[in-house]
C-alpha atoms as a PDB file:
ATOM      1  CA  MET A   1       0.157  -0.044   0.049  1.00  0.00           C
ATOM      2  CA  PRO A   2       2.637   2.553   0.824  1.00  0.00           C
ATOM      3  CA  TYR A   3       4.342   1.819  -3.037  1.00  0.00           C
ATOM      4  CA  LEU A   4       1.305   2.943  -4.693  1.00  0.00           C
ATOM      5  CA  PHE A   5       0.491   5.799  -2.310  1.00  0.00           C
ATOM      6  CA  GLY A   6       4.201   6.508  -3.428  1.00  0.00           C
ATOM      7  CA  GLY A   7       3.666   5.806  -7.388  1.00  0.00           C
ATOM      8  CA  LEU A   8       0.981   8.077  -7.081  1.00  0.00           C
ATOM      9  CA  VAL A   9       2.447  11.215  -5.444  1.00  0.00           C
ATOM     10  CA  VAL A  10       5.255  10.670  -8.168  1.00  0.00           C
ATOM     11  CA  LEU A  11       2.865  10.374 -11.117  1.00  0.00           C
ATOM     12  CA  ASN A  12       1.554  13.439  -9.563  1.00  0.00           C
ATOM     13  CA  ALA A  13       4.051  15.891  -9.419  1.00  0.00           C
ATOM     14  CA  VAL A  14       5.627  14.187 -12.803  1.00  0.00           C
ATOM     15  CA  THR A  15       1.674  15.200 -14.444  1.00  0.00           C
ATOM     16  CA  LEU A  16       2.226  18.788 -12.843  1.00  0.00           C
ATOM     17  CA  GLY A  17       5.540  18.947 -14.718  1.00  0.00           C
ATOM     18  CA  TYR A  18       4.656  18.045 -17.489  1.00  0.00           C
ATOM     19  CA  TYR A  19       1.438  20.738 -17.494  1.00  0.00           C
ATOM     20  CA  LEU A  20       3.235  23.648 -15.680  1.00  0.00           C
ATOM     21  CA  PHE A  21       6.317  23.629 -17.853  1.00  0.00           C
ATOM     22  CA  LEU A  22       6.515  21.426 -20.614  1.00  0.00           C
ATOM     23  CA  GLN A  23       3.267  22.243 -21.946  1.00  0.00           C
ATOM     24  CA  GLN A  24       3.484  25.104 -24.315  1.00  0.00           C
ATOM     25  CA  PRO A  25      -0.631  26.493 -23.764  1.00  0.00           C
ATOM     26  CA  SER A  26      -2.610  27.236 -27.422  1.00  0.00           C
ATOM     27  CA  THR A  27      -4.575  30.324 -27.611  1.00  0.00           C
ATOM     28  CA  THR A  28      -8.315  29.507 -28.292  1.00  0.00           C
ATOM     29  CA  GLN A  29     -10.838  31.630 -30.094  1.00  0.00           C
ATOM     30  CA  THR A  30     -12.362  33.033 -26.697  1.00  0.00           C
ATOM     31  CA  LEU A  31      -8.955  33.960 -25.493  1.00  0.00           C
ATOM     32  CA  LYS A  32      -8.364  35.808 -28.951  1.00  0.00           C
ATOM     33  CA  ALA A  33     -11.743  37.394 -28.365  1.00  0.00           C
ATOM     34  CA  ALA A  34     -10.836  38.879 -24.509  1.00  0.00           C
ATOM     35  CA  GLN A  35      -7.056  40.103 -25.596  1.00  0.00           C
ATOM     36  CA  ASP A  36      -8.693  42.124 -28.380  1.00  0.00           C
ATOM     37  CA  GLU A  37     -11.089  43.524 -26.553  1.00  0.00           C
ATOM     38  CA  ILE A  38      -8.402  44.600 -23.618  1.00  0.00           C
ATOM     39  CA  ILE A  39      -6.579  46.108 -26.004  1.00  0.00           C
ATOM     40  CA  GLN A  40      -9.288  48.873 -26.943  1.00  0.00           C
ATOM     41  CA  PRO A  41      -9.192  51.715 -24.653  1.00  0.00           C
ATOM     42  CA  LEU A  42     -11.763  50.803 -21.536  1.00  0.00           C
ATOM     43  CA  ALA A  43     -14.418  53.611 -20.892  1.00  0.00           C
ATOM     44  CA  PHE A  44     -13.778  55.310 -16.720  1.00  0.00           C
ATOM     45  CA  THR A  45     -15.455  57.360 -14.584  1.00  0.00           C
ATOM     46  CA  ASN A  46     -14.349  58.844 -11.791  1.00  0.00           C
ATOM     47  CA  SER A  47     -16.746  57.901  -8.569  1.00  0.00           C
ATOM     48  CA  ALA A  48     -14.577  59.787  -5.889  1.00  0.00           C
ATOM     49  CA  GLU A  49     -16.652  62.777  -6.021  1.00  0.00           C
ATOM     50  CA  TYR A  50     -20.061  60.489  -5.302  1.00  0.00           C
ATOM     51  CA  ILE A  51     -17.756  59.295  -1.964  1.00  0.00           C
ATOM     52  CA  PRO A  52     -19.854  60.626   1.333  1.00  0.00           C
ATOM     53  CA  PRO A  53     -17.225  63.026   3.629  1.00  0.00           C
ATOM     54  CA  VAL A  54     -15.398  60.876   6.585  1.00  0.00           C
ATOM     55  CA  ILE A  55     -17.502  61.095   9.743  1.00  0.00           C
ATOM     56  CA  GLY A  56     -16.435  63.628  12.319  1.00  0.00           C
ATOM     57  CA  SER A  57     -15.127  65.918   9.290  1.00  0.00           C
ATOM     58  CA  LYS A  58     -16.535  69.189   8.966  1.00  0.00           C
ATOM     59  CA  GLN A  59     -17.312  69.075   5.302  1.00  0.00           C
END
């Protein structure tokens, strides 16, 4: 039984190492669409003027 557990741990470590370091990620259509969306400028609204004053301040 300890050999089975040790083998599974080693197999898990090898699989994790393969997916983290050796396999190159492939770009999908969804990822490309999201990246194209990010490149476009985002609308920004400054909401700091709507924050109420700090309690205790004389404003």
